[in-house]
């Protein structure tokens, strides 16, 4: 499986979009990095095909409308990531 995921900073409005073939390992790597320590996984999509996942990640990173639609769909999850940190 291949994953596109969204992390949310518990302190700021920061959001990170990434791609990985091993979601658990990648989240652990983020947690060990000083800039992403404490960030919460708020959303992920799973794909059987690597190309599909990479195309989706690219669209979320480079096309504002795609990411805007996703943010609207997961607005409660984004809000809860901040509330649970406080």
Protein backbone atom coordinates (compact mmCIF):
# COMPACT_ATOMS: atom_id res chain seq x y z
CA UNK A 1 0.00 0.00 0.00
CA UNK A 2 0.98 3.61 -0.57
CA UNK A 3 -0.27 6.46 1.58
CA UNK A 4 -0.89 10.17 1.28
CA UNK A 5 -1.25 11.71 4.71
CA UNK A 6 -1.89 15.02 6.47
CA UNK A 7 -0.24 16.09 9.72
CA UNK A 8 -1.43 19.06 11.80
CA UNK A 9 0.59 21.08 14.26
CA UNK A 10 -1.03 21.12 17.70
CA UNK A 11 0.28 24.65 18.30
CA UNK A 12 0.06 26.55 15.01
CA UNK A 13 -2.02 26.36 11.85
CA UNK A 14 0.78 24.36 10.24
CA UNK A 15 -0.24 21.48 7.99
CA UNK A 16 2.07 18.98 6.31
CA UNK A 17 1.12 16.74 3.38
CA UNK A 18 3.30 13.72 2.68
CA UNK A 19 3.58 10.37 0.93
CA UNK A 20 4.92 7.04 2.17
CA UNK A 21 4.83 3.33 1.51
CA UNK A 22 5.09 2.72 5.28
CA UNK A 23 2.80 5.11 7.14
CA UNK A 24 3.66 3.98 10.68
CA UNK A 25 7.41 4.30 10.10
CA UNK A 26 7.01 7.69 8.44
CA UNK A 27 4.91 9.09 11.30
CA UNK A 28 7.57 7.88 13.76
CA UNK A 29 10.22 9.66 11.69
CA UNK A 30 8.20 12.87 11.84
CA UNK A 31 7.84 12.53 15.61
CA UNK A 32 11.61 12.26 16.00
CA UNK A 33 12.21 15.42 13.94
CA UNK A 34 12.26 18.60 16.06
CA UNK A 35 10.08 20.56 13.63
CA UNK A 36 7.26 17.98 13.58
CA UNK A 37 7.39 16.61 17.13
CA UNK A 38 3.87 16.52 18.53
CA UNK A 39 2.17 16.90 15.16
CA UNK A 40 -0.96 14.76 14.79
CA UNK A 41 -1.99 12.51 11.95
CA UNK A 42 -5.42 13.86 10.99
CA UNK A 43 -6.05 12.16 7.65
CA UNK A 44 -4.69 9.59 5.24
CA UNK A 45 -5.63 7.94 1.97
CA UNK A 46 -4.43 4.47 0.94
CA UNK A 47 -3.63 3.48 -2.63
CA UNK A 48 -2.70 0.18 -4.23
CA UNK A 49 -0.74 1.95 -6.95
CA UNK A 50 2.30 4.10 -6.11
CA UNK A 51 1.79 6.42 -9.07
CA UNK A 52 -1.77 7.22 -7.95
CA UNK A 53 -0.53 8.15 -4.47
CA UNK A 54 2.27 10.35 -5.80
CA UNK A 55 -0.10 12.15 -8.18
CA UNK A 56 -2.54 12.80 -5.33
CA UNK A 57 0.21 14.13 -3.05
CA UNK A 58 1.44 16.43 -5.82
CA UNK A 59 -2.07 17.78 -6.41
CA UNK A 60 -2.57 18.48 -2.71
CA UNK A 61 0.78 20.26 -2.47
CA UNK A 62 0.62 22.28 -5.67
CA UNK A 63 -3.02 22.96 -6.43
CA UNK A 64 -4.78 25.12 -3.86
CA UNK A 65 -8.27 24.03 -4.88
CA UNK A 66 -7.53 20.35 -4.23
CA UNK A 67 -6.17 21.07 -0.77
CA UNK A 68 -8.96 23.53 -0.04
CA UNK A 69 -11.57 20.88 -0.78
CA UNK A 70 -9.79 18.38 1.47
CA UNK A 71 -9.50 20.92 4.31
CA UNK A 72 -13.24 21.58 4.06
CA UNK A 73 -13.95 17.82 4.27
CA UNK A 74 -11.73 17.28 7.32
CA UNK A 75 -12.26 20.60 9.13
CA UNK A 76 -13.42 18.90 12.35
CA UNK A 77 -10.36 16.65 12.42
CA UNK A 78 -8.10 19.65 11.92
CA UNK A 79 -9.83 21.47 14.78
CA UNK A 80 -9.62 18.48 17.14
CA UNK A 81 -5.85 18.18 16.56
CA UNK A 82 -5.44 21.63 18.08
CA UNK A 83 -7.99 21.16 20.89
CA UNK A 84 -6.46 17.88 22.10
CA UNK A 85 -3.03 19.43 22.31
CA UNK A 86 -4.22 22.21 24.63
